[in-house]
N, C-alpha and C. Protein backbone atom coordinates (compact mmCIF):
# COMPACT_ATOMS: atom_id res chain seq x y z
N MET A 1 -43.37 -23.29 8.29
CA MET A 1 -43.28 -23.70 9.49
C MET A 1 -44.11 -25.37 9.53
N GLN A 2 -43.52 -26.44 10.48
CA GLN A 2 -44.47 -27.11 10.82
C GLN A 2 -45.20 -26.74 11.81
N ASN A 3 -46.22 -27.06 12.10
CA ASN A 3 -46.28 -27.22 13.46
C ASN A 3 -45.95 -28.50 14.63
N GLN A 4 -44.84 -28.55 15.66
CA GLN A 4 -44.39 -29.37 16.41
C GLN A 4 -45.41 -29.97 17.23
N PRO A 5 -45.39 -31.08 17.95
CA PRO A 5 -46.49 -31.30 18.40
C PRO A 5 -46.17 -30.85 20.09
N GLU A 6 -46.62 -29.99 21.03
CA GLU A 6 -46.33 -29.72 22.35
C GLU A 6 -45.84 -31.12 23.57
N ARG A 7 -44.89 -30.87 24.34
CA ARG A 7 -44.71 -32.01 25.10
C ARG A 7 -44.59 -31.48 26.54
N PRO A 8 -45.26 -31.44 27.30
CA PRO A 8 -45.01 -31.32 28.82
C PRO A 8 -43.75 -31.57 29.62
N THR A 9 -43.40 -30.66 30.48
CA THR A 9 -42.32 -30.39 30.81
C THR A 9 -41.99 -30.81 32.59
N THR A 10 -40.65 -30.29 32.76
CA THR A 10 -41.05 -30.71 34.08
C THR A 10 -41.75 -30.06 35.58
N ASN A 11 -42.50 -28.89 34.87
CA ASN A 11 -42.51 -28.01 35.94
C ASN A 11 -44.42 -28.01 34.99
N GLY A 12 -44.13 -28.49 34.52
CA GLY A 12 -46.48 -29.13 34.53
C GLY A 12 -46.55 -27.91 32.64
N SER A 13 -46.02 -27.17 32.70
CA SER A 13 -46.45 -26.14 31.07
C SER A 13 -45.61 -27.20 29.68
N LYS A 14 -46.51 -26.81 28.58
CA LYS A 14 -46.06 -27.34 27.92
C LYS A 14 -45.39 -26.45 26.44
N SER A 15 -43.59 -27.67 25.79
CA SER A 15 -42.93 -26.54 25.29
C SER A 15 -42.71 -27.47 24.39
N ARG A 16 -41.90 -27.13 22.71
CA ARG A 16 -41.85 -27.37 21.57
C ARG A 16 -40.28 -28.47 22.08
N PRO A 17 -40.60 -29.68 21.61
CA PRO A 17 -39.61 -30.33 21.27
C PRO A 17 -38.33 -29.57 20.65
N ASN A 18 -36.93 -30.67 21.72
CA ASN A 18 -35.47 -29.18 20.92
C ASN A 18 -35.39 -29.71 19.52
N ARG A 19 -34.55 -28.52 19.23
CA ARG A 19 -34.09 -28.95 17.74
C ARG A 19 -32.83 -29.06 18.06
N THR A 20 -31.98 -30.38 17.12
CA THR A 20 -30.50 -30.37 17.09
C THR A 20 -30.62 -29.95 15.10
N ALA A 21 -29.24 -29.40 15.49
CA ALA A 21 -29.33 -29.97 13.75
C ALA A 21 -28.50 -30.82 13.50
N SER A 22 -28.77 -30.73 12.02
CA SER A 22 -28.37 -32.11 11.60
C SER A 22 -27.11 -31.54 11.21
N PRO A 23 -26.47 -33.37 11.40
CA PRO A 23 -24.98 -33.91 11.11
C PRO A 23 -24.46 -33.26 10.00
N ALA A 24 -25.13 -32.58 9.00
CA ALA A 24 -24.39 -32.80 8.05
C ALA A 24 -23.71 -30.57 8.71
N LEU A 25 -24.31 -29.95 9.47
CA LEU A 25 -24.26 -29.03 9.64
C LEU A 25 -23.36 -28.90 10.90
N SER A 26 -23.53 -29.86 11.89
CA SER A 26 -23.24 -29.77 12.91
C SER A 26 -21.07 -29.93 13.00
N GLN A 27 -21.25 -30.43 11.90
CA GLN A 27 -19.37 -30.73 11.97
C GLN A 27 -18.96 -29.34 11.31
N THR A 28 -17.45 -29.44 11.89
CA THR A 28 -17.05 -28.13 12.07
C THR A 28 -15.95 -28.04 10.75
N ALA A 29 -15.91 -27.02 9.82
CA ALA A 29 -15.34 -26.74 8.50
C ALA A 29 -14.12 -27.49 9.06
N PRO A 30 -13.45 -27.74 8.10
CA PRO A 30 -11.45 -28.13 8.21
C PRO A 30 -10.76 -26.57 8.04
N SER A 31 -10.17 -27.18 8.68
CA SER A 31 -9.09 -25.58 9.33
C SER A 31 -8.63 -25.33 8.58
N ALA A 32 -8.48 -23.83 8.05
CA ALA A 32 -7.37 -23.52 7.48
C ALA A 32 -5.91 -24.00 6.90
N PRO A 33 -5.44 -24.20 6.09
CA PRO A 33 -3.63 -24.72 5.73
C PRO A 33 -3.05 -23.23 6.46
N THR A 34 -2.34 -23.91 7.47
CA THR A 34 -1.19 -23.20 8.07
C THR A 34 -0.18 -22.75 7.16
N VAL A 35 0.40 -21.38 7.05
CA VAL A 35 1.84 -20.90 6.21
C VAL A 35 2.80 -21.21 7.10
N PRO A 36 3.63 -21.91 7.44
CA PRO A 36 5.53 -22.22 7.73
C PRO A 36 5.74 -21.18 7.33
N THR A 37 6.76 -20.24 8.38
CA THR A 37 7.47 -19.48 9.02
C THR A 37 8.50 -19.49 8.85
N GLY A 38 9.34 -18.01 8.90
CA GLY A 38 10.86 -19.34 8.99
C GLY A 38 11.91 -18.72 7.80
N GLY A 39 11.67 -18.57 6.75
CA GLY A 39 11.92 -18.87 5.54
C GLY A 39 12.32 -20.12 5.48
N SER A 40 11.45 -20.25 4.01
CA SER A 40 10.99 -21.55 3.70
C SER A 40 11.44 -22.61 2.21
N SER A 41 11.66 -23.20 1.87
CA SER A 41 11.41 -23.01 0.38
C SER A 41 10.51 -23.38 0.02
N GLN A 42 8.76 -22.91 0.19
CA GLN A 42 8.17 -22.56 -0.35
C GLN A 42 8.34 -21.02 -0.72
N GLY A 43 9.30 -20.42 -0.44
CA GLY A 43 8.90 -18.50 -0.61
C GLY A 43 8.40 -17.65 0.49
N THR A 44 8.31 -18.20 1.16
CA THR A 44 8.29 -17.23 2.57
C THR A 44 9.12 -16.61 2.97
N PRO A 45 9.09 -15.17 3.07
CA PRO A 45 10.13 -14.63 3.37
C PRO A 45 9.98 -14.56 5.06
N ALA A 46 11.61 -14.88 5.23
CA ALA A 46 11.78 -15.03 6.75
C ALA A 46 11.46 -13.66 7.90
N PRO A 47 10.93 -14.00 9.00
CA PRO A 47 10.39 -12.71 9.89
C PRO A 47 11.94 -11.74 9.95
N ARG A 48 11.43 -10.68 9.83
CA ARG A 48 12.78 -9.89 10.36
C ARG A 48 12.51 -9.70 11.34
N ALA A 49 13.09 -9.11 11.95
CA ALA A 49 13.63 -8.57 13.63
C ALA A 49 13.02 -7.28 13.65
N TYR A 50 12.25 -6.83 14.80
CA TYR A 50 12.25 -5.54 15.21
C TYR A 50 12.87 -4.28 15.07
N ARG A 51 12.92 -2.85 14.71
CA ARG A 51 13.88 -2.29 14.49
C ARG A 51 12.96 -1.09 15.06
N ALA A 52 13.30 -0.48 16.41
CA ALA A 52 12.86 0.69 16.34
C ALA A 52 13.30 1.89 15.44
N TYR A 53 13.05 2.89 14.69
CA TYR A 53 13.77 4.48 14.20
C TYR A 53 13.14 5.67 15.54
N THR A 54 14.13 6.13 16.03
CA THR A 54 13.27 6.68 17.07
C THR A 54 14.43 8.79 16.02
N ARG A 55 14.36 9.35 16.82
CA ARG A 55 15.15 10.77 15.83
C ARG A 55 16.14 11.16 16.28
N ASN A 56 16.84 10.23 17.10
CA ASN A 56 18.13 9.87 17.04
C ASN A 56 18.59 9.13 15.81
N ASP A 57 17.60 8.34 15.78
CA ASP A 57 18.32 7.33 13.81
C ASP A 57 18.04 7.99 12.74
N LEU A 58 17.46 9.07 12.61
CA LEU A 58 17.14 9.92 11.53
C LEU A 58 18.55 9.88 10.60
N ASP A 59 19.24 9.44 11.03
CA ASP A 59 20.41 9.76 9.71
C ASP A 59 21.39 8.94 9.44
N ARG A 60 20.30 7.66 10.17
CA ARG A 60 20.81 6.03 9.64
C ARG A 60 19.79 5.32 9.00
N ILE A 61 18.96 6.09 8.57
CA ILE A 61 17.12 5.46 7.92
C ILE A 61 18.20 5.91 6.54
N PRO A 62 18.49 4.34 5.65
CA PRO A 62 19.30 5.02 4.62
C PRO A 62 18.23 5.64 3.41
N GLU A 63 17.07 4.86 3.77
CA GLU A 63 15.29 5.13 2.73
C GLU A 63 15.05 6.86 2.61
N LEU A 64 15.95 7.40 3.84
CA LEU A 64 16.00 9.36 4.00
C LEU A 64 17.17 9.96 2.97
N ASP A 65 17.81 9.02 2.15
CA ASP A 65 18.46 9.76 1.48
C ASP A 65 18.38 10.13 -0.02
N CYS A 66 16.94 9.47 -0.06
CA CYS A 66 17.00 10.26 -1.52
C CYS A 66 15.77 11.68 -0.87
N LEU A 67 15.72 11.76 0.17
CA LEU A 67 15.55 13.30 0.64
C LEU A 67 16.15 14.20 0.08
N SER A 68 15.60 15.56 -0.06
CA SER A 68 16.89 16.76 -0.29
C SER A 68 17.69 16.97 1.34
N THR A 69 19.00 17.84 1.63
CA THR A 69 18.75 18.02 2.65
C THR A 69 17.99 19.36 3.77
N HIS A 70 17.49 19.84 3.06
CA HIS A 70 16.12 20.77 3.57
C HIS A 70 15.58 19.87 4.04
N GLU A 71 14.63 19.50 3.35
CA GLU A 71 13.68 17.91 3.72
C GLU A 71 13.78 17.16 5.61
N ARG A 72 15.27 17.01 4.92
CA ARG A 72 15.80 16.43 6.04
C ARG A 72 15.92 16.97 7.77
N GLN A 73 16.07 18.51 7.27
CA GLN A 73 16.38 19.31 8.25
C GLN A 73 14.87 20.21 8.30
N VAL A 74 13.90 19.49 8.03
CA VAL A 74 12.85 20.37 8.43
C VAL A 74 12.23 19.14 9.01
N MET A 75 12.49 17.85 9.46
CA MET A 75 12.30 16.59 9.30
C MET A 75 12.74 16.35 11.11
N LYS A 76 14.04 16.95 10.85
CA LYS A 76 14.41 16.71 12.66
C LYS A 76 13.96 17.99 13.74
N ALA A 77 13.93 18.70 12.72
CA ALA A 77 13.25 20.12 13.69
C ALA A 77 11.58 19.78 14.21
N VAL A 78 10.94 19.26 13.48
CA VAL A 78 9.21 18.77 13.38
C VAL A 78 9.52 17.47 14.84
N SER A 79 10.50 16.54 14.13
CA SER A 79 10.76 15.25 15.56
C SER A 79 11.43 16.10 16.41
N ALA A 80 11.99 16.93 16.93
CA ALA A 80 12.29 18.04 18.05
C ALA A 80 11.09 18.52 18.74
N VAL A 81 10.04 18.62 18.42
CA VAL A 81 8.85 19.14 18.89
C VAL A 81 7.39 18.08 19.27
N LEU A 82 7.13 17.14 18.04
CA LEU A 82 6.53 15.80 18.25
C LEU A 82 6.98 14.72 18.38
N PRO A 83 6.79 13.28 18.73
CA PRO A 83 6.83 12.31 19.29
C PRO A 83 7.41 11.71 17.62
N PHE A 84 8.25 11.34 18.25
CA PHE A 84 8.58 10.19 15.89
C PHE A 84 9.16 9.30 16.74
N ARG A 85 8.77 8.46 15.67
CA ARG A 85 8.94 7.13 16.37
C ARG A 85 8.06 5.84 15.31
N ALA A 86 8.80 5.31 14.33
CA ALA A 86 9.01 4.21 13.35
C ALA A 86 9.16 3.30 13.26
N ASN A 87 8.74 1.81 12.85
CA ASN A 87 9.92 0.63 12.68
C ASN A 87 10.00 -0.19 11.97
N SER A 88 11.32 -0.69 11.32
CA SER A 88 11.08 -1.63 10.14
C SER A 88 10.07 -1.89 8.92
N TYR A 89 9.35 -1.90 9.37
CA TYR A 89 8.44 -2.59 8.37
C TYR A 89 7.64 -1.34 8.13
N VAL A 90 7.68 -0.28 8.76
CA VAL A 90 6.72 1.22 8.21
C VAL A 90 8.09 1.82 7.30
N VAL A 91 8.93 1.61 7.44
CA VAL A 91 10.01 2.35 6.89
C VAL A 91 10.02 1.90 5.16
N GLU A 92 9.88 0.41 5.63
CA GLU A 92 10.63 -0.52 4.05
C GLU A 92 9.64 -1.07 3.24
N GLU A 93 7.85 -1.47 3.92
CA GLU A 93 7.48 -1.59 3.18
C GLU A 93 6.12 -0.34 2.80
N LEU A 94 5.90 0.35 4.27
CA LEU A 94 4.80 0.42 4.20
C LEU A 94 5.02 2.12 3.16
N ILE A 95 5.63 3.31 3.55
CA ILE A 95 6.20 3.98 2.69
C ILE A 95 6.73 3.85 1.54
N ASP A 96 6.17 4.56 0.31
CA ASP A 96 6.12 4.67 -1.24
C ASP A 96 7.07 6.33 -0.64
N TRP A 97 8.57 5.79 -0.70
CA TRP A 97 9.36 6.74 -0.88
C TRP A 97 9.94 7.54 -2.47
N SER A 98 9.52 6.39 -3.64
CA SER A 98 9.32 7.60 -4.64
C SER A 98 8.41 8.25 -5.12
N ASN A 99 7.28 8.64 -4.33
CA ASN A 99 6.48 9.40 -4.30
C ASN A 99 6.57 10.89 -3.46
């Protein structure tokens, strides 16, 4: 680091000169491109409406059709004791129903 000459301040003490960033560093980076929403010709899927599933909706979740009758009864029994709530994104995208 180079030695900077000291200059007097308004209160009589000495300080180093202010360093400013070079113009190349002070420029902001270009903003990231935005992705259009709403289902366009560019392949972006349309946003899906929020749908909450509760204990009363267990029979209306089509993905549960792959479960046996016994597994569905157990699920209903557990949901009677523990809180159950999921949304359509969890049911349709996050759960691997084949596993």
